[in-house]
Amino acid sequence: MKAYFLDEIASENMNKITEFLKGNASGSTMEQVFWVKLPEDLLSPLQFQHTACQPHAFAVELGSDWVKLEFLVRSLETMKCDCSAYCTDPQRDYIINFADRMLDQLEVTT
């Protein structure tokens, strides 16, 4: 799995990150996994055409002292479709910038 991985994060900062994601992402059936929806203007042509598969999102997984932001963009409506794929360059930049903005806003240093 291709991902952006942040580690060696102090527990008090992990608590801040968890609370941030609870307010700025969608929860999943797994307590430590969140979904962040991509803006429509960043969707690939195929993802944009597949309106029944929208929204498209990337996963953020939390560990005891780490955060993983996956580069796989998935449909939140269907399990298998060709529109689920590894991110485009602009989508990758959005994912990395999401992580950087989150850390800056929370004043978290890793």
C-alpha atoms as a PDB file:
ATOM      1  CA  MET A   1       0.000   0.000   0.000  1.00  0.00           C
ATOM      2  CA  LYS A   2       1.321   3.405  -0.934  1.00  0.00           C
ATOM      3  CA  ALA A   3       0.832   5.887   1.888  1.00  0.00           C
ATOM      4  CA  TYR A   4       2.082   9.006   3.652  1.00  0.00           C
ATOM      5  CA  PHE A   5       3.261   7.861   7.081  1.00  0.00           C
ATOM      6  CA  LEU A   6       3.889  10.021  10.157  1.00  0.00           C
ATOM      7  CA  ASP A   7       5.388   8.350  13.202  1.00  0.00           C
ATOM      8  CA  GLU A   8       6.879   8.977  16.650  1.00  0.00           C
ATOM      9  CA  ILE A   9       3.930  11.176  17.623  1.00  0.00           C
ATOM     10  CA  ALA A  10       3.423  11.811  21.338  1.00  0.00           C
ATOM     11  CA  SER A  11       0.235  10.410  22.883  1.00  0.00           C
ATOM     12  CA  GLU A  12      -1.173  13.863  23.731  1.00  0.00           C
ATOM     13  CA  ASN A  13      -0.754  14.826  20.088  1.00  0.00           C
ATOM     14  CA  MET A  14      -2.410  11.601  18.952  1.00  0.00           C
ATOM     15  CA  ASN A  15      -5.403  12.603  21.076  1.00  0.00           C
ATOM     16  CA  LYS A  16      -5.503  16.000  19.314  1.00  0.00           C
ATOM     17  CA  ILE A  17      -5.312  14.292  15.909  1.00  0.00           C
ATOM     18  CA  THR A  18      -8.105  11.880  16.810  1.00  0.00           C
ATOM     19  CA  GLU A  19     -10.368  14.736  17.893  1.00  0.00           C
ATOM     20  CA  PHE A  20      -9.503  16.702  14.747  1.00  0.00           C
ATOM     21  CA  LEU A  21     -10.447  13.764  12.523  1.00  0.00           C
ATOM     22  CA  LYS A  22     -13.694  13.212  14.415  1.00  0.00           C
ATOM     23  CA  GLY A  23     -14.645  16.763  13.461  1.00  0.00           C
ATOM     24  CA  ASN A  24     -13.157  16.938   9.957  1.00  0.00           C
ATOM     25  CA  ALA A  25     -13.531  13.458   8.478  1.00  0.00           C
ATOM     26  CA  SER A  26     -16.070  10.660   8.420  1.00  0.00           C
ATOM     27  CA  GLY A  27     -15.773   7.776  10.822  1.00  0.00           C
ATOM     28  CA  SER A  28     -15.750   4.170   9.678  1.00  0.00           C
ATOM     29  CA  THR A  29     -16.764   0.857  11.187  1.00  0.00           C
ATOM     30  CA  MET A  30     -13.218   0.636  12.556  1.00  0.00           C
ATOM     31  CA  GLU A  31     -12.565   3.057  15.403  1.00  0.00           C
ATOM     32  CA  GLN A  32      -9.090   4.080  14.203  1.00  0.00           C
ATOM     33  CA  VAL A  33      -9.949   4.596  10.521  1.00  0.00           C
ATOM     34  CA  PHE A  34     -11.400   7.797   9.097  1.00  0.00           C
ATOM     35  CA  TRP A  35     -12.409   8.797   5.571  1.00  0.00           C
ATOM     36  CA  VAL A  36     -11.514  12.170   4.087  1.00  0.00           C
ATOM     37  CA  LYS A  37     -13.547  13.081   1.022  1.00  0.00           C
ATOM     38  CA  LEU A  38     -11.762  14.539  -1.967  1.00  0.00           C
ATOM     39  CA  PRO A  39     -13.100  17.743  -3.521  1.00  0.00           C
ATOM     40  CA  GLU A  40     -14.922  17.124  -6.807  1.00  0.00           C
ATOM     41  CA  ASP A  41     -12.477  19.283  -8.736  1.00  0.00           C
ATOM     42  CA  LEU A  42      -9.681  16.850  -7.827  1.00  0.00           C
ATOM     43  CA  LEU A  43     -11.442  13.720  -9.065  1.00  0.00           C
ATOM     44  CA  SER A  44      -9.959  11.912 -12.037  1.00  0.00           C
ATOM     45  CA  PRO A  45     -12.107  11.956 -15.196  1.00  0.00           C
ATOM     46  CA  LEU A  46     -13.304   8.391 -14.444  1.00  0.00           C
ATOM     47  CA  GLN A  47     -14.105   9.206 -10.817  1.00  0.00           C
ATOM     48  CA  PHE A  48     -16.009  12.308 -11.915  1.00  0.00           C
ATOM     49  CA  GLN A  49     -18.026  10.295 -14.463  1.00  0.00           C
ATOM     50  CA  HIS A  50     -18.939   7.666 -11.858  1.00  0.00           C
ATOM     51  CA  THR A  51     -21.473   9.773  -9.989  1.00  0.00           C
ATOM     52  CA  ALA A  52     -23.052   6.653  -8.430  1.00  0.00           C
ATOM     53  CA  CYS A  53     -19.686   5.846  -6.835  1.00  0.00           C
ATOM     54  CA  GLN A  54     -19.220   9.287  -5.298  1.00  0.00           C
ATOM     55  CA  PRO A  55     -18.033  10.441  -2.864  1.00  0.00           C
ATOM     56  CA  HIS A  56     -14.432   9.365  -3.279  1.00  0.00           C
ATOM     57  CA  ALA A  57     -12.132   9.480  -0.284  1.00  0.00           C
ATOM     58  CA  PHE A  58      -8.814   8.414   1.161  1.00  0.00           C
ATOM     59  CA  ALA A  59      -8.330   6.594   4.441  1.00  0.00           C
ATOM     60  CA  VAL A  60      -6.541   7.923   7.495  1.00  0.00           C
ATOM     61  CA  GLU A  61      -5.533   5.213   9.940  1.00  0.00           C
ATOM     62  CA  LEU A  62      -4.331   5.906  13.478  1.00  0.00           C
ATOM     63  CA  GLY A  63      -1.968   3.795  15.539  1.00  0.00           C
ATOM     64  CA  SER A  64      -0.560   4.270  19.026  1.00  0.00           C
ATOM     65  CA  ASP A  65       2.016   6.820  17.846  1.00  0.00           C
ATOM     66  CA  TRP A  66       1.521   7.060  14.081  1.00  0.00           C
ATOM     67  CA  VAL A  67      -0.812   8.294  11.360  1.00  0.00           C
ATOM     68  CA  LYS A  68      -1.071   6.725   7.909  1.00  0.00           C
ATOM     69  CA  LEU A  69      -2.788   8.537   5.045  1.00  0.00           C
ATOM     70  CA  GLU A  70      -3.371   6.099   2.210  1.00  0.00           C
ATOM     71  CA  PHE A  71      -2.777   7.088  -1.405  1.00  0.00           C
ATOM     72  CA  LEU A  72      -5.556   4.767  -2.588  1.00  0.00           C
ATOM     73  CA  VAL A  73      -8.665   6.760  -3.492  1.00  0.00           C
ATOM     74  CA  ARG A  74     -11.805   4.722  -2.941  1.00  0.00           C
ATOM     75  CA  SER A  75     -15.493   5.046  -3.580  1.00  0.00           C
ATOM     76  CA  LEU A  76     -17.502   5.237  -0.371  1.00  0.00           C
ATOM     77  CA  GLU A  77     -20.502   3.760  -2.183  1.00  0.00           C
ATOM     78  CA  THR A  78     -19.147   0.663  -3.954  1.00  0.00           C
ATOM     79  CA  MET A  79     -16.585  -1.934  -2.972  1.00  0.00           C
ATOM     80  CA  LYS A  80     -15.214  -2.698  -6.428  1.00  0.00           C
ATOM     81  CA  CYS A  81     -15.063  -0.339  -9.338  1.00  0.00           C
ATOM     82  CA  ASP A  82     -12.433   0.837 -11.787  1.00  0.00           C
ATOM     83  CA  CYS A  83     -12.749   4.337 -10.366  1.00  0.00           C
ATOM     84  CA  SER A  84     -10.995   3.252  -7.158  1.00  0.00           C
ATOM     85  CA  ALA A  85      -7.319   3.722  -7.879  1.00  0.00           C
ATOM     86  CA  TYR A  86      -4.078   5.126  -6.577  1.00  0.00           C
ATOM     87  CA  CYS A  87      -4.188   8.886  -6.431  1.00  0.00           C
ATOM     88  CA  THR A  88      -3.256  11.233  -9.215  1.00  0.00           C
ATOM     89  CA  ASP A  89      -0.483  13.753  -8.578  1.00  0.00           C
ATOM     90  CA  PRO A  90      -2.934  16.531  -7.599  1.00  0.00           C
ATOM     91  CA  GLN A  91      -4.773  14.108  -5.283  1.00  0.00           C
ATOM     92  CA  ARG A  92      -1.463  13.085  -3.696  1.00  0.00           C
ATOM     93  CA  ASP A  93      -0.606  16.741  -3.116  1.00  0.00           C
ATOM     94  CA  TYR A  94      -4.028  17.253  -1.496  1.00  0.00           C
ATOM     95  CA  ILE A  95      -3.481  14.284   0.852  1.00  0.00           C
ATOM     96  CA  ILE A  96      -0.030  15.472   1.923  1.00  0.00           C
ATOM     97  CA  ASN A  97      -1.265  19.053   2.325  1.00  0.00           C
ATOM     98  CA  PHE A  98      -4.212  17.782   4.406  1.00  0.00           C
ATOM     99  CA  ALA A  99      -1.740  16.137   6.800  1.00  0.00           C
ATOM    100  CA  ASP A 100       0.526  19.183   6.925  1.00  0.00           C
ATOM    101  CA  ARG A 101      -2.387  21.589   7.542  1.00  0.00           C
ATOM    102  CA  MET A 102      -3.752  19.313  10.277  1.00  0.00           C
ATOM    103  CA  LEU A 103      -0.389  19.195  12.070  1.00  0.00           C
ATOM    104  CA  ASP A 104       0.103  22.959  11.714  1.00  0.00           C
ATOM    105  CA  GLN A 105      -3.390  23.727  12.980  1.00  0.00           C
ATOM    106  CA  LEU A 106      -2.922  21.424  15.974  1.00  0.00           C
ATOM    107  CA  GLU A 107       0.640  22.662  16.564  1.00  0.00           C
ATOM    108  CA  VAL A 108       1.937  19.097  16.387  1.00  0.00           C
ATOM    109  CA  THR A 109       5.585  18.462  15.669  1.00  0.00           C
ATOM    110  CA  THR A 110       6.791  14.984  14.805  1.00  0.00           C
END
